[in-house]
Amino acid sequence: MRGGAKIAIVGGVFVVVAGGVGYGAYNVLNSTGGKTGTETASAEVRTGPVTEAEIADVSKRFLEAWASGETTTASQLTNNAVEAEPLLAGYREEAHISRAVITPGAAVGTKVPYTVKATVSYGGESKPWSYSSELTVVRGQTTGRPLVDWSPAVLHPELTTGTSLKTKKASAPSIEAVDHNGRVLTKENYPSLGPVLDVLREKYGEKAGGTAGIETVIESTDAGSPDKTLLTLSKGRAGKLRTTLDADVQAAAESAVKKYGQASVVAIRPSTGAIRAVANNPATGFNAALQGQQAPGSTMKIVTAALLIEKGLASANQKIECPPTAMYMGRTFKNLDDFSIPDGTLTTSFARSCNTAFIKLIDDTKDDAALAKEARDVFGIGLDWKTGVLTYDGSVPEATGGEAAAQYIGQGTIQMNALNVASITATAKNGTFRQPIIVDPDLDGRPIATAARSLSPSVSQQLTNMMRQTASWGTGKAAMASVGGDKGAKTGSAEVDGQATSNSWFTGFSNDLAAAAVVQAGGHGGDAAGPVVAAVLRAGP
C-alpha cells in the first residue's frame, strides 16, 4: 500500500489503477464477474500478530473487491461478513456514489489509511465529495487468516453500528436558526449546538417554512435520531427558526467548557424559562448538558433547604448543628476534611456546604417521600418537559433509610444534568417553576409542564439570600468574584463509583440569568465547574 494505489469507479464501473509496491496493475471490467481473490484452506491455523505482507495483501484484496462491487467477496475478507455486506452494497446502491478515487496511504502498524474523492449523483444533481478513513487488519480468531476488522467506519469515519449512508431527498427542510435577537446560529460557529440544530431541523423544518433539498446523510435505524448531513447536493430553501438562545451567552459557554476534557453547562432566564445557552465538551455526540444522568452533589441542597424551610424545620437565620460527622439509619456521613460549624445557622451550613446539618434534620420531616415531592411539586423535576428538543428532566425517586439521607445532599439515586440544576436555581430565584424552552411552544402547540405550587415569597427570598451568601463569602466566593450584579451560587461535588476524583458541580445566578455546570472528575465545585458558570453569567445581561 506504499505506492499511492488508486481505485476508481468510472461511469458506474470500478477501475483499479496501481503502480506501487505490492500491486500489479489491473482493471475490473464489470461488477458482476467472478471473485477478485480466492481463499485457500490452510491445514494449520496461523497465530500471532499479522505480518506486513499479510496487511498489504488482505487490504489490497478487500479494496479491490469493494471497488468492483463484489460485496460478498469483500465482506468475506472481514471478520463480520453479515454486517459488512449490506453496507458495502449500499455504498453505490443507496449512497449513490457514481465515481470515486480511493488513495491508500502507508500502513501504520496494522492500520491502512486512505482518502476518498467521490462524486455523488442523485435526482439529476451531482456533487464532489471527499473524506478520509482507515481499515485495520487483524488475525481471525478461528481461521487464523488475516482479515479486515469490520466496523461501519471502514466506509466512512462517522458511521457507527446501526447507521448507514444514504443519498435522498432530505427528511426535513434545512433551517436558519437564529437567537432571540435574530443573530444566526450555526454549528460551525457554535459546535455544541450541532446536535440541537439537527433535532430542531427534524422537528421544525417544515413549520419554519422551508423546503427539502437532496443530501447524503448518515441515517440511523433509531427512528428518534435525526439524519446527519454529510453532503448537500441541492439546498432547497431553509426555513427561519427563532430560538430562545443568546449568541453572546452561547459563545461564552462554548469557550468555557473547552478548558476541561468533559464538561457541560446550561444557562436559563429564570423569569421565562428561556434557554440561553447549551454547551458540551466534547461538542459532538451525546448531549450531556440536556440528557445526562448523574448525581448533582450539594447543588441539591437548594431543594433540600426549600423543603426544610417550607416545613418549618429550619429558617435561614435559625441555629442548627453542623458536627464533623452524622449517622442516619446505620450510615455515616461526614463533611469535607471533617469540618464543623459551632453555633452555625442554616445559612452558614448552606454557604459552607455542611452535609451533616442537613442529614440531622431528616427525621423531623417524618416523610421519606418529602424530598421527591418537593422536587416534583415545586421545582418541576421529572414532569416530562417539552423544551423543543430531547431532554432528560431529572429524577428524585422516593427512598428510605440511608439512601434517603444520601439524597438530601445530592447523592444516591438522584439523577440530573446541567439543565435540571440550572432550572432549580431559576426556580429558587423566580419563586415559580418556568419549564425550560428552546423554541416558543406556540410554534407547534406543545404543552408546557407546570409545577403544582410555587415557593412562598418568604421561602424564595431565604433561598436566594443563602445563595447570595455562598457567592459572597462561602464556597462560591472565588468563582463568583468576577461576576457582577445581584448574584448567588451553590457548589457541589458528587462521588462516582470507580472514579478517584469527584465530579465538580456549580450553579449560580446573576440578575435574570441562571446557569449550572458539571465537570467530570473536576473535584470541588468551585474549582472547575465554578469558573465555567461564572464565565457564562458574565456574558449575560
Protein backbone atom coordinates (compact mmCIF):
# COMPACT_ATOMS: atom_id res chain seq x y z
CA MET A 1 0.00 0.00 0.00
CA ARG A 2 3.03 2.27 -0.26
CA GLY A 3 2.81 3.40 -3.85
CA GLY A 4 -0.32 5.54 -3.84
CA ALA A 5 -2.54 2.94 -5.45
CA LYS A 6 -5.89 4.26 -6.66
CA ILE A 7 -9.22 2.54 -7.02
CA ALA A 8 -11.73 4.35 -9.20
CA ILE A 9 -15.32 3.95 -10.26
CA VAL A 10 -15.75 5.32 -13.77
CA GLY A 11 -19.23 5.50 -15.22
CA GLY A 12 -20.52 3.03 -12.67
CA VAL A 13 -17.68 0.54 -13.32
CA PHE A 14 -14.92 0.33 -10.74
CA VAL A 15 -11.43 0.62 -12.19
CA VAL A 16 -8.35 -0.06 -10.12
CA VAL A 17 -5.09 1.54 -11.19
CA ALA A 18 -1.96 0.71 -9.24
CA GLY A 19 1.71 1.35 -9.74
CA GLY A 20 3.20 0.89 -6.31
CA VAL A 21 4.99 -1.76 -4.35
CA GLY A 22 2.81 -4.80 -3.74
CA TYR A 23 0.39 -4.08 -6.59
CA GLY A 24 0.18 -5.30 -10.14
CA ALA A 25 -1.82 -3.04 -12.46
CA TYR A 26 -5.29 -4.40 -13.14
CA ASN A 27 -8.72 -3.36 -14.35
CA VAL A 28 -12.05 -4.60 -13.12
CA LEU A 29 -14.26 -4.67 -16.17
CA ASN A 30 -17.61 -5.24 -14.53
CA SER A 31 -19.27 -5.51 -11.15
CA THR A 32 -20.82 -8.93 -11.65
CA GLY A 33 -17.81 -11.06 -12.58
CA GLY A 34 -16.10 -13.74 -10.57
CA LYS A 35 -14.30 -13.31 -7.30
CA THR A 36 -11.35 -10.98 -7.31
CA GLY A 37 -9.45 -13.29 -4.98
CA THR A 38 -9.72 -16.85 -3.75
CA GLU A 39 -9.13 -18.31 -0.33
CA THR A 40 -7.06 -21.44 0.09
CA ALA A 41 -7.76 -23.52 3.14
CA SER A 42 -4.77 -23.93 5.36
CA ALA A 43 -4.03 -27.13 7.17
CA GLU A 44 -2.57 -25.15 10.00
CA VAL A 45 -4.27 -22.22 11.73
CA ARG A 46 -1.75 -19.41 11.98
CA THR A 47 -1.36 -17.47 15.21
CA GLY A 48 0.45 -14.37 16.36
CA PRO A 49 0.36 -10.81 15.03
CA VAL A 50 -0.42 -10.21 11.36
CA THR A 51 2.65 -9.60 9.22
CA GLU A 52 3.39 -6.63 6.99
CA ALA A 53 2.90 -8.83 3.93
CA GLU A 54 -0.46 -10.06 5.22
CA ILE A 55 -1.60 -6.49 5.90
CA ALA A 56 -0.69 -5.43 2.35
CA ASP A 57 -2.29 -8.50 0.78
CA VAL A 58 -5.65 -8.54 2.55
CA SER A 59 -6.16 -4.78 2.39
CA LYS A 60 -5.42 -4.85 -1.34
CA ARG A 61 -7.87 -7.69 -1.97
CA PHE A 62 -10.55 -6.08 0.23
CA LEU A 63 -10.34 -2.74 -1.58
CA GLU A 64 -10.32 -4.49 -4.97
CA ALA A 65 -13.43 -6.48 -4.10
CA TRP A 66 -15.20 -3.44 -2.66
CA ALA A 67 -14.24 -1.39 -5.73
CA SER A 68 -15.51 -3.97 -8.19
CA GLY A 69 -18.86 -4.29 -6.45
CA GLU A 70 -18.12 -7.84 -5.31
CA THR A 71 -19.68 -7.19 -1.92
CA THR A 72 -19.84 -10.86 -0.93
CA THR A 73 -16.14 -11.32 -1.60
CA ALA A 74 -15.28 -8.08 0.19
CA SER A 75 -17.41 -8.97 3.21
CA GLN A 76 -15.75 -12.41 3.46
CA LEU A 77 -12.43 -10.64 3.78
CA THR A 78 -13.69 -9.06 7.02
CA ASN A 79 -14.26 -10.60 10.44
CA ASN A 80 -18.00 -9.77 10.32
CA ALA A 81 -19.40 -10.60 6.89
CA VAL A 82 -23.05 -10.45 8.00
CA GLU A 83 -22.80 -6.79 8.98
CA ALA A 84 -20.33 -5.77 6.31
CA GLU A 85 -22.13 -6.96 3.16
CA PRO A 86 -25.28 -4.75 3.25
CA LEU A 87 -23.25 -1.63 3.99
CA LEU A 88 -20.78 -2.39 1.20
CA ALA A 89 -23.64 -2.91 -1.24
CA GLY A 90 -25.35 0.27 -0.08
CA TYR A 91 -22.29 2.37 -0.87
CA ARG A 92 -23.37 2.51 -4.51
CA GLU A 93 -27.00 1.46 -4.36
CA GLU A 94 -28.13 3.71 -1.51
CA ALA A 95 -25.43 6.37 -1.17
CA HIS A 96 -25.39 6.71 -4.98
CA ILE A 97 -21.62 7.06 -5.35
CA SER A 98 -21.22 7.37 -9.13
CA ARG A 99 -17.44 7.86 -9.18
CA ALA A 100 -14.72 7.53 -6.55
CA VAL A 101 -10.95 7.52 -6.29
CA ILE A 102 -9.54 5.88 -3.16
CA THR A 103 -5.90 6.63 -2.40
CA PRO A 104 -4.33 4.46 0.32
CA GLY A 105 -1.53 5.80 2.45
CA ALA A 106 1.35 3.91 4.02
CA ALA A 107 0.34 1.31 6.58
CA VAL A 108 0.92 2.34 10.19
CA GLY A 109 1.22 -0.87 12.12
CA THR A 110 -1.95 -2.81 11.31
CA LYS A 111 -3.86 0.26 10.12
CA VAL A 112 -4.13 1.32 6.48
CA PRO A 113 -5.41 4.89 6.00
CA TYR A 114 -6.93 6.13 2.76
CA THR A 115 -8.61 9.16 1.26
CA VAL A 116 -11.74 9.04 -0.87
CA LYS A 117 -12.56 11.56 -3.58
CA ALA A 118 -16.03 10.73 -4.82
CA THR A 119 -18.87 12.05 -6.91
CA VAL A 120 -22.43 11.62 -5.64
CA SER A 121 -25.24 11.67 -8.22
CA TYR A 122 -28.96 11.60 -7.44
CA GLY A 123 -32.13 13.05 -8.90
CA GLY A 124 -30.33 14.96 -11.62
CA GLU A 125 -27.93 16.52 -9.12
CA SER A 126 -24.23 15.73 -8.86
CA LYS A 127 -21.52 16.95 -6.48
CA PRO A 128 -17.95 16.04 -5.48
CA TRP A 129 -17.33 14.64 -2.01
CA SER A 130 -14.11 13.77 -0.22
CA TYR A 131 -13.19 12.27 3.14
CA SER A 132 -10.60 10.08 4.86
CA SER A 133 -10.94 6.78 6.67
CA GLU A 134 -8.90 3.71 7.53
CA LEU A 135 -9.09 -0.04 7.95
CA THR A 136 -7.33 -2.33 10.41
CA VAL A 137 -6.11 -5.86 9.66
CA VAL A 138 -6.40 -8.49 12.39
CA ARG A 139 -5.98 -12.24 12.58
CA GLY A 140 -9.21 -14.24 12.53
CA GLN A 141 -9.88 -15.85 15.88
CA THR A 142 -10.99 -19.20 14.45
CA THR A 143 -9.41 -19.33 10.96
CA GLY A 144 -6.10 -17.62 11.71
CA ARG A 145 -6.47 -15.74 8.42
CA PRO A 146 -5.67 -12.02 8.14
CA LEU A 147 -8.97 -10.14 7.90
CA VAL A 148 -10.21 -6.56 7.83
CA ASP A 149 -11.51 -5.72 11.31
CA TRP A 150 -15.00 -4.68 10.30
CA SER A 151 -16.74 -1.59 11.55
CA PRO A 152 -19.02 0.76 9.60
CA ALA A 153 -16.27 3.39 9.90
CA VAL A 154 -14.33 1.49 7.21
CA LEU A 155 -16.75 3.04 4.70
CA HIS A 156 -16.95 6.45 6.39
CA PRO A 157 -15.36 7.57 9.68
CA GLU A 158 -18.65 8.84 11.13
CA LEU A 159 -20.61 5.65 10.53
CA THR A 160 -21.40 3.62 13.66
CA THR A 161 -23.35 0.47 14.37
CA GLY A 162 -26.99 0.92 13.38
CA THR A 163 -26.27 3.63 10.79
CA SER A 164 -25.79 3.70 7.02
CA LEU A 165 -25.02 6.09 4.16
CA LYS A 166 -27.99 7.33 2.13
CA THR A 167 -28.43 9.93 -0.58
CA LYS A 168 -32.04 11.06 -0.77
CA LYS A 169 -34.46 13.91 -0.52
CA ALA A 170 -33.89 15.35 2.94
CA SER A 171 -36.23 14.08 5.63
CA ALA A 172 -36.79 17.68 6.70
CA PRO A 173 -36.04 21.10 5.20
CA SER A 174 -32.94 22.85 6.46
CA ILE A 175 -33.31 25.71 8.91
CA GLU A 176 -31.64 29.02 9.53
CA ALA A 177 -31.67 29.06 13.31
CA VAL A 178 -31.40 32.47 14.96
CA ASP A 179 -31.15 33.56 18.58
CA HIS A 180 -33.79 35.62 20.37
CA ASN A 181 -32.25 38.78 18.87
CA GLY A 182 -32.21 37.41 15.32
CA ARG A 183 -28.48 36.54 15.14
CA VAL A 184 -27.72 33.44 13.05
CA LEU A 185 -26.60 30.31 14.91
CA THR A 186 -24.57 27.68 13.04
CA LYS A 187 -22.79 24.53 14.18
CA GLU A 188 -19.61 25.88 12.61
CA ASN A 189 -19.60 28.91 14.93
CA TYR A 190 -21.19 27.12 17.89
CA PRO A 191 -20.13 23.44 17.73
CA SER A 192 -22.14 22.37 20.79
CA LEU A 193 -25.34 23.37 19.01
CA GLY A 194 -24.77 20.74 16.30
CA PRO A 195 -26.94 18.03 17.94
CA VAL A 196 -29.51 20.65 18.98
CA LEU A 197 -29.80 22.14 15.48
CA ASP A 198 -30.14 18.67 13.94
CA VAL A 199 -33.14 17.94 16.16
CA LEU A 200 -34.67 21.37 15.60
CA ARG A 201 -34.42 20.84 11.86
CA GLU A 202 -36.22 17.49 12.03
CA LYS A 203 -38.99 18.87 14.25
CA TYR A 204 -39.47 22.35 12.86
CA GLY A 205 -38.02 22.50 9.33
CA GLU A 206 -41.45 22.42 7.65
CA LYS A 207 -43.12 24.56 10.31
CA ALA A 208 -40.42 27.18 9.74
CA GLY A 209 -41.41 27.37 6.07
CA GLY A 210 -38.51 25.51 4.47
CA THR A 211 -38.44 23.11 1.51
CA ALA A 212 -36.29 19.96 1.47
CA GLY A 213 -33.21 19.53 -0.71
CA ILE A 214 -31.14 16.45 -1.67
CA GLU A 215 -28.46 15.27 0.74
CA THR A 216 -26.05 12.48 1.52
CA VAL A 217 -26.67 11.62 5.15
CA ILE A 218 -25.91 9.19 7.91
CA GLU A 219 -29.24 7.52 8.58
CA SER A 220 -29.90 5.71 11.85
CA THR A 221 -32.11 2.70 12.43
CA ASP A 222 -33.29 4.52 15.57
CA ALA A 223 -36.43 6.32 14.48
CA GLY A 224 -35.84 9.04 17.06
CA SER A 225 -32.42 10.03 15.75
CA PRO A 226 -32.24 12.78 13.12
CA ASP A 227 -30.21 12.27 9.95
CA LYS A 228 -26.71 13.74 9.99
CA THR A 229 -25.97 15.62 6.79
CA LEU A 230 -22.57 14.91 5.20
CA LEU A 231 -23.08 16.49 1.78
CA THR A 232 -25.75 18.78 0.33
CA LEU A 233 -26.39 18.23 -3.38
CA SER A 234 -29.20 20.80 -3.55
CA LYS A 235 -30.13 23.07 -0.68
CA GLY A 236 -33.84 23.50 -1.09
CA ARG A 237 -34.99 26.52 0.91
CA ALA A 238 -34.11 26.98 4.57
CA GLY A 239 -36.84 27.97 6.99
CA LYS A 240 -36.04 30.64 9.56
CA LEU A 241 -36.41 29.38 13.12
CA ARG A 242 -36.17 31.71 16.08
CA THR A 243 -34.86 30.11 19.26
CA THR A 244 -34.55 31.34 22.84
CA LEU A 245 -30.74 31.07 22.72
CA ASP A 246 -28.44 34.07 23.09
CA ALA A 247 -25.42 34.21 20.77
CA ASP A 248 -23.21 36.02 23.32
CA VAL A 249 -24.03 33.65 26.18
CA GLN A 250 -23.66 30.65 23.88
CA ALA A 251 -20.22 31.83 22.73
CA ALA A 252 -19.10 32.22 26.35
CA ALA A 253 -20.42 28.75 27.19
CA GLU A 254 -18.61 27.16 24.24
CA SER A 255 -15.34 28.75 25.28
CA ALA A 256 -15.72 27.90 28.97
CA VAL A 257 -16.29 24.14 28.57
CA LYS A 258 -13.26 23.76 26.27
CA LYS A 259 -10.99 24.20 29.28
CA TYR A 260 -11.93 20.72 30.52
CA GLY A 261 -11.93 17.28 28.94
CA GLN A 262 -15.56 16.54 29.80
CA ALA A 263 -17.81 19.41 30.79
CA SER A 264 -21.30 20.73 30.16
CA VAL A 265 -23.18 23.92 31.01
CA VAL A 266 -26.70 25.33 30.52
CA ALA A 267 -27.99 28.87 31.06
CA ILE A 268 -31.65 29.78 31.60
CA ARG A 269 -33.61 33.02 32.07
CA PRO A 270 -35.44 32.50 35.41
CA SER A 271 -38.37 34.80 34.63
CA THR A 272 -39.38 32.89 31.48
CA GLY A 273 -37.55 29.54 31.37
CA ALA A 274 -35.90 30.55 28.08
CA ILE A 275 -32.74 28.51 27.50
CA ARG A 276 -29.94 30.94 26.67
CA ALA A 277 -27.04 28.52 26.15
CA VAL A 278 -26.20 24.81 25.90
CA ALA A 279 -22.58 23.71 25.63
CA ASN A 280 -20.63 20.47 25.93
CA ASN A 281 -17.06 19.33 25.59
CA PRO A 282 -16.80 17.12 23.59
CA ALA A 283 -19.18 19.16 21.44
CA THR A 284 -20.43 16.28 19.28
CA GLY A 285 -22.10 13.02 20.18
CA PHE A 286 -24.09 12.61 23.38
CA ASN A 287 -25.64 15.87 24.62
CA ALA A 288 -24.71 15.55 28.31
CA ALA A 289 -25.92 19.07 29.14
CA LEU A 290 -29.51 18.16 28.25
CA GLN A 291 -29.61 14.37 28.53
CA GLY A 292 -27.01 13.46 31.15
CA GLN A 293 -28.00 11.46 34.23
CA GLN A 294 -25.71 11.92 37.24
CA ALA A 295 -25.89 12.70 40.95
CA PRO A 296 -25.70 16.51 41.34
CA GLY A 297 -23.97 16.63 44.73
CA SER A 298 -24.61 19.51 47.09
CA THR A 299 -26.34 21.66 44.45
CA MET A 300 -29.34 19.55 45.52
CA LYS A 301 -29.25 21.34 48.89
CA ILE A 302 -31.22 24.15 47.23
CA VAL A 303 -34.20 21.78 47.06
CA THR A 304 -33.46 20.29 50.49
CA ALA A 305 -33.26 23.75 52.08
CA ALA A 306 -36.56 24.73 50.46
CA LEU A 307 -38.16 21.59 51.92
CA LEU A 308 -36.85 22.26 55.43
CA ILE A 309 -37.94 25.91 55.37
CA GLU A 310 -41.39 25.12 53.96
CA LYS A 311 -41.96 22.50 56.67
CA GLY A 312 -40.92 24.96 59.37
CA LEU A 313 -37.99 22.78 60.44
CA ALA A 314 -35.42 25.50 59.83
CA SER A 315 -35.05 29.04 58.60
CA ALA A 316 -32.15 30.93 57.09
CA ASN A 317 -31.07 32.52 60.36
CA GLN A 318 -32.02 29.66 62.69
CA LYS A 319 -29.20 27.94 64.53
CA ILE A 320 -28.67 24.30 63.55
CA GLU A 321 -25.97 21.77 64.32
CA CYS A 322 -23.10 21.09 61.93
CA PRO A 323 -20.93 18.39 63.54
CA PRO A 324 -17.99 16.74 61.72
CA THR A 325 -19.98 13.52 61.20
CA ALA A 326 -23.58 12.34 61.45
CA MET A 327 -25.16 8.89 61.34
CA TYR A 328 -28.55 8.05 59.90
CA MET A 329 -30.02 4.54 59.78
CA GLY A 330 -26.60 2.94 60.21
CA ARG A 331 -24.91 5.03 57.53
CA THR A 332 -22.23 7.60 58.44
CA PHE A 333 -21.96 10.93 56.65
CA LYS A 334 -19.19 13.47 57.08
CA ASN A 335 -18.11 16.92 55.96
CA LEU A 336 -15.10 17.71 53.80
CA ASP A 337 -12.00 17.36 55.98
CA ASP A 338 -14.35 16.69 58.93
CA PHE A 339 -15.02 20.39 59.48
CA SER A 340 -17.72 21.59 61.90
CA ILE A 341 -19.50 24.91 62.46
CA PRO A 342 -20.05 25.81 66.13
CA ASP A 343 -23.20 27.91 66.69
CA GLY A 344 -23.92 27.96 62.97
CA THR A 345 -27.18 28.76 61.16
CA LEU A 346 -28.84 27.19 58.15
CA THR A 347 -27.24 29.95 56.07
CA THR A 348 -23.70 29.19 57.24
CA SER A 349 -24.24 25.45 56.75
CA PHE A 350 -25.61 26.10 53.24
CA ALA A 351 -22.87 28.56 52.30
CA ARG A 352 -20.07 26.30 53.55
CA SER A 353 -21.82 23.14 52.25
CA CYS A 354 -22.16 21.31 55.55
CA ASN A 355 -23.54 17.83 54.85
CA THR A 356 -24.25 16.82 58.43
CA ALA A 357 -26.52 19.80 59.15
CA PHE A 358 -28.98 18.58 56.51
CA ILE A 359 -28.67 14.91 57.46
CA LYS A 360 -29.56 15.61 61.10
CA LEU A 361 -32.90 17.17 60.12
CA ILE A 362 -34.20 14.22 58.08
CA ASP A 363 -36.07 12.54 60.94
CA ASP A 364 -38.02 15.73 61.57
CA THR A 365 -39.63 15.64 58.12
CA LYS A 366 -41.50 12.43 59.12
CA ASP A 367 -41.93 11.60 55.43
CA ASP A 368 -39.48 9.52 53.40
CA ALA A 369 -41.02 10.84 50.17
CA ALA A 370 -40.78 14.51 51.21
CA LEU A 371 -37.75 15.36 49.05
CA ALA A 372 -39.15 13.64 45.97
CA LYS A 373 -42.42 15.57 46.38
CA GLU A 374 -40.61 18.88 46.84
CA ALA A 375 -38.51 18.31 43.73
CA ARG A 376 -41.55 17.44 41.62
CA ASP A 377 -44.26 19.70 43.01
CA VAL A 378 -42.20 22.89 43.41
CA PHE A 379 -39.15 22.56 41.14
CA GLY A 380 -40.79 20.61 38.29
CA ILE A 381 -38.23 17.80 38.29
CA GLY A 382 -39.41 14.79 36.28
CA LEU A 383 -42.54 16.44 34.83
CA ASP A 384 -41.89 15.48 31.18
CA TRP A 385 -40.62 18.79 29.92
CA LYS A 386 -41.40 19.75 26.32
CA THR A 387 -38.44 22.01 25.62
CA GLY A 388 -38.45 21.64 21.84
CA VAL A 389 -35.55 19.14 21.85
CA LEU A 390 -34.92 15.82 23.59
CA THR A 391 -34.08 16.28 27.29
CA TYR A 392 -33.81 14.23 30.46
CA ASP A 393 -35.87 16.05 33.05
CA GLY A 394 -34.32 14.75 36.25
CA SER A 395 -35.32 12.10 38.76
CA VAL A 396 -35.60 12.08 42.55
CA PRO A 397 -37.01 8.64 43.41
CA GLU A 398 -38.69 8.02 46.74
CA ALA A 399 -36.17 6.40 49.09
CA THR A 400 -35.84 5.19 52.66
CA GLY A 401 -33.12 4.83 55.27
CA GLY A 402 -29.56 5.71 54.41
CA GLU A 403 -30.46 6.11 50.73
CA ALA A 404 -32.93 8.87 51.61
CA ALA A 405 -30.24 10.60 53.66
CA ALA A 406 -27.83 10.47 50.72
CA GLN A 407 -30.43 12.15 48.54
CA TYR A 408 -30.63 15.14 50.88
CA ILE A 409 -27.05 16.01 49.91
CA GLY A 410 -27.41 15.15 46.21
CA GLN A 411 -26.00 11.62 46.21
CA GLY A 412 -27.65 8.19 45.99
CA THR A 413 -30.27 7.57 43.35
CA ILE A 414 -30.85 11.19 42.30
CA GLN A 415 -30.12 11.75 38.59
CA MET A 416 -29.76 15.17 36.97
CA ASN A 417 -27.88 17.18 34.37
CA ALA A 418 -26.84 20.80 33.92
CA LEU A 419 -30.26 21.73 32.50
CA ASN A 420 -32.08 20.37 35.57
CA VAL A 421 -29.81 22.10 38.08
CA ALA A 422 -29.93 25.41 36.19
CA SER A 423 -33.73 25.15 36.29
CA ILE A 424 -33.65 24.52 40.06
CA THR A 425 -31.65 27.72 40.54
CA ALA A 426 -34.00 29.59 38.19
CA THR A 427 -36.99 28.41 40.25
CA ALA A 428 -35.36 29.46 43.51
CA LYS A 429 -34.64 32.90 42.01
CA ASN A 430 -38.04 33.37 40.38
CA GLY A 431 -40.16 31.64 43.03
CA THR A 432 -42.11 29.71 40.38
CA PHE A 433 -41.01 26.89 38.09
CA ARG A 434 -40.88 28.01 34.47
CA GLN A 435 -40.35 24.97 32.27
CA PRO A 436 -37.20 25.46 30.16
CA ILE A 437 -37.86 26.00 26.45
CA ILE A 438 -35.62 26.46 23.43
CA VAL A 439 -38.40 27.12 20.89
CA ASP A 440 -41.63 29.03 21.50
CA PRO A 441 -44.40 26.47 22.22
CA ASP A 442 -46.82 28.49 20.11
CA LEU A 443 -44.95 27.24 17.02
CA ASP A 444 -46.22 23.68 17.47
CA GLY A 445 -48.80 23.95 20.25
CA ARG A 446 -46.93 21.59 22.56
CA PRO A 447 -47.99 21.55 26.23
CA ILE A 448 -45.64 23.09 28.80
CA ALA A 449 -45.16 21.46 32.20
CA THR A 450 -46.27 23.39 35.26
CA ALA A 451 -45.46 22.64 38.89
CA ALA A 452 -48.19 22.04 41.45
CA ARG A 453 -47.26 25.11 43.50
CA SER A 454 -44.82 27.99 43.82
CA LEU A 455 -42.46 28.86 46.64
CA SER A 456 -43.84 31.45 49.02
CA PRO A 457 -42.14 34.86 48.73
CA SER A 458 -40.54 34.26 52.16
CA VAL A 459 -39.05 30.89 51.19
CA SER A 460 -37.83 32.15 47.82
CA GLN A 461 -36.19 35.15 49.50
CA GLN A 462 -34.47 32.97 52.12
CA LEU A 463 -33.16 30.57 49.44
CA THR A 464 -31.76 33.31 47.23
CA ASN A 465 -30.26 35.12 50.22
CA MET A 466 -28.44 31.92 51.23
CA MET A 467 -27.16 31.62 47.67
CA ARG A 468 -26.02 35.25 47.80
CA GLN A 469 -24.04 34.49 50.94
CA THR A 470 -22.47 31.46 49.25
CA ALA A 471 -21.29 33.72 46.42
CA SER A 472 -20.19 36.48 48.80
CA TRP A 473 -18.17 34.59 51.44
CA GLY A 474 -18.99 30.89 51.14
CA THR A 475 -17.68 28.10 48.93
CA GLY A 476 -18.63 30.01 45.75
CA LYS A 477 -16.72 33.20 46.61
CA ALA A 478 -13.62 32.65 44.47
CA ALA A 479 -15.51 31.52 41.37
CA MET A 480 -18.11 34.31 41.56
CA ALA A 481 -15.69 37.15 42.37
CA SER A 482 -15.66 38.30 38.73
CA VAL A 483 -19.47 38.24 38.36
CA GLY A 484 -21.34 41.48 38.89
CA GLY A 485 -24.92 42.39 39.69
CA ASP A 486 -27.26 40.57 42.04
CA LYS A 487 -25.54 37.20 42.30
CA GLY A 488 -25.83 33.91 44.16
CA ALA A 489 -24.35 30.40 43.96
CA LYS A 490 -24.24 26.84 45.26
CA THR A 491 -21.31 24.46 44.95
CA GLY A 492 -21.38 20.68 44.79
CA SER A 493 -19.17 17.65 44.36
CA ALA A 494 -20.53 14.19 43.65
CA GLU A 495 -18.72 10.94 44.23
CA VAL A 496 -18.86 8.40 41.41
CA ASP A 497 -18.17 4.69 41.83
CA GLY A 498 -14.83 3.72 40.33
CA GLN A 499 -13.77 7.35 39.87
CA ALA A 500 -10.92 8.61 42.07
CA THR A 501 -11.91 12.28 41.86
CA SER A 502 -15.47 13.51 42.37
CA ASN A 503 -17.46 15.34 39.71
CA SER A 504 -17.48 19.11 40.10
CA TRP A 505 -20.90 20.83 40.11
CA PHE A 506 -21.72 24.52 40.39
CA THR A 507 -24.82 26.61 39.88
CA GLY A 508 -25.44 30.31 40.20
CA PHE A 509 -27.42 33.34 39.11
CA SER A 510 -26.69 36.92 38.16
CA ASN A 511 -29.64 39.24 37.64
CA ASP A 512 -32.07 37.41 35.31
CA LEU A 513 -29.72 34.63 34.23
CA ALA A 514 -29.15 31.27 35.94
CA ALA A 515 -26.57 28.68 34.95
CA ALA A 516 -25.28 25.29 36.05
CA ALA A 517 -22.25 23.26 35.03
CA VAL A 518 -20.69 19.87 35.69
CA VAL A 519 -17.08 18.90 35.04
CA GLN A 520 -16.31 15.19 35.10
CA ALA A 521 -13.67 14.37 37.73
CA GLY A 522 -13.24 18.09 38.35
CA GLY A 523 -13.12 17.83 42.14
CA HIS A 524 -14.61 20.55 44.33
CA GLY A 525 -17.48 22.52 42.81
CA GLY A 526 -15.79 25.89 42.96
CA ASP A 527 -12.57 24.65 41.39
CA ALA A 528 -13.72 23.52 37.93
CA ALA A 529 -17.46 23.96 37.34
CA GLY A 530 -17.46 27.32 39.16
CA PRO A 531 -15.31 29.16 36.60
CA VAL A 532 -17.46 27.73 33.79
CA VAL A 533 -20.66 29.10 35.33
CA ALA A 534 -19.00 32.44 36.11
CA ALA A 535 -17.87 32.87 32.50
CA VAL A 536 -21.41 32.25 31.26
CA LEU A 537 -23.01 34.62 33.78
CA ARG A 538 -20.57 37.39 32.87
CA ALA A 539 -21.85 37.20 29.28
CA GLY A 540 -25.45 37.76 30.36
CA PRO A 541 -27.43 40.97 30.77
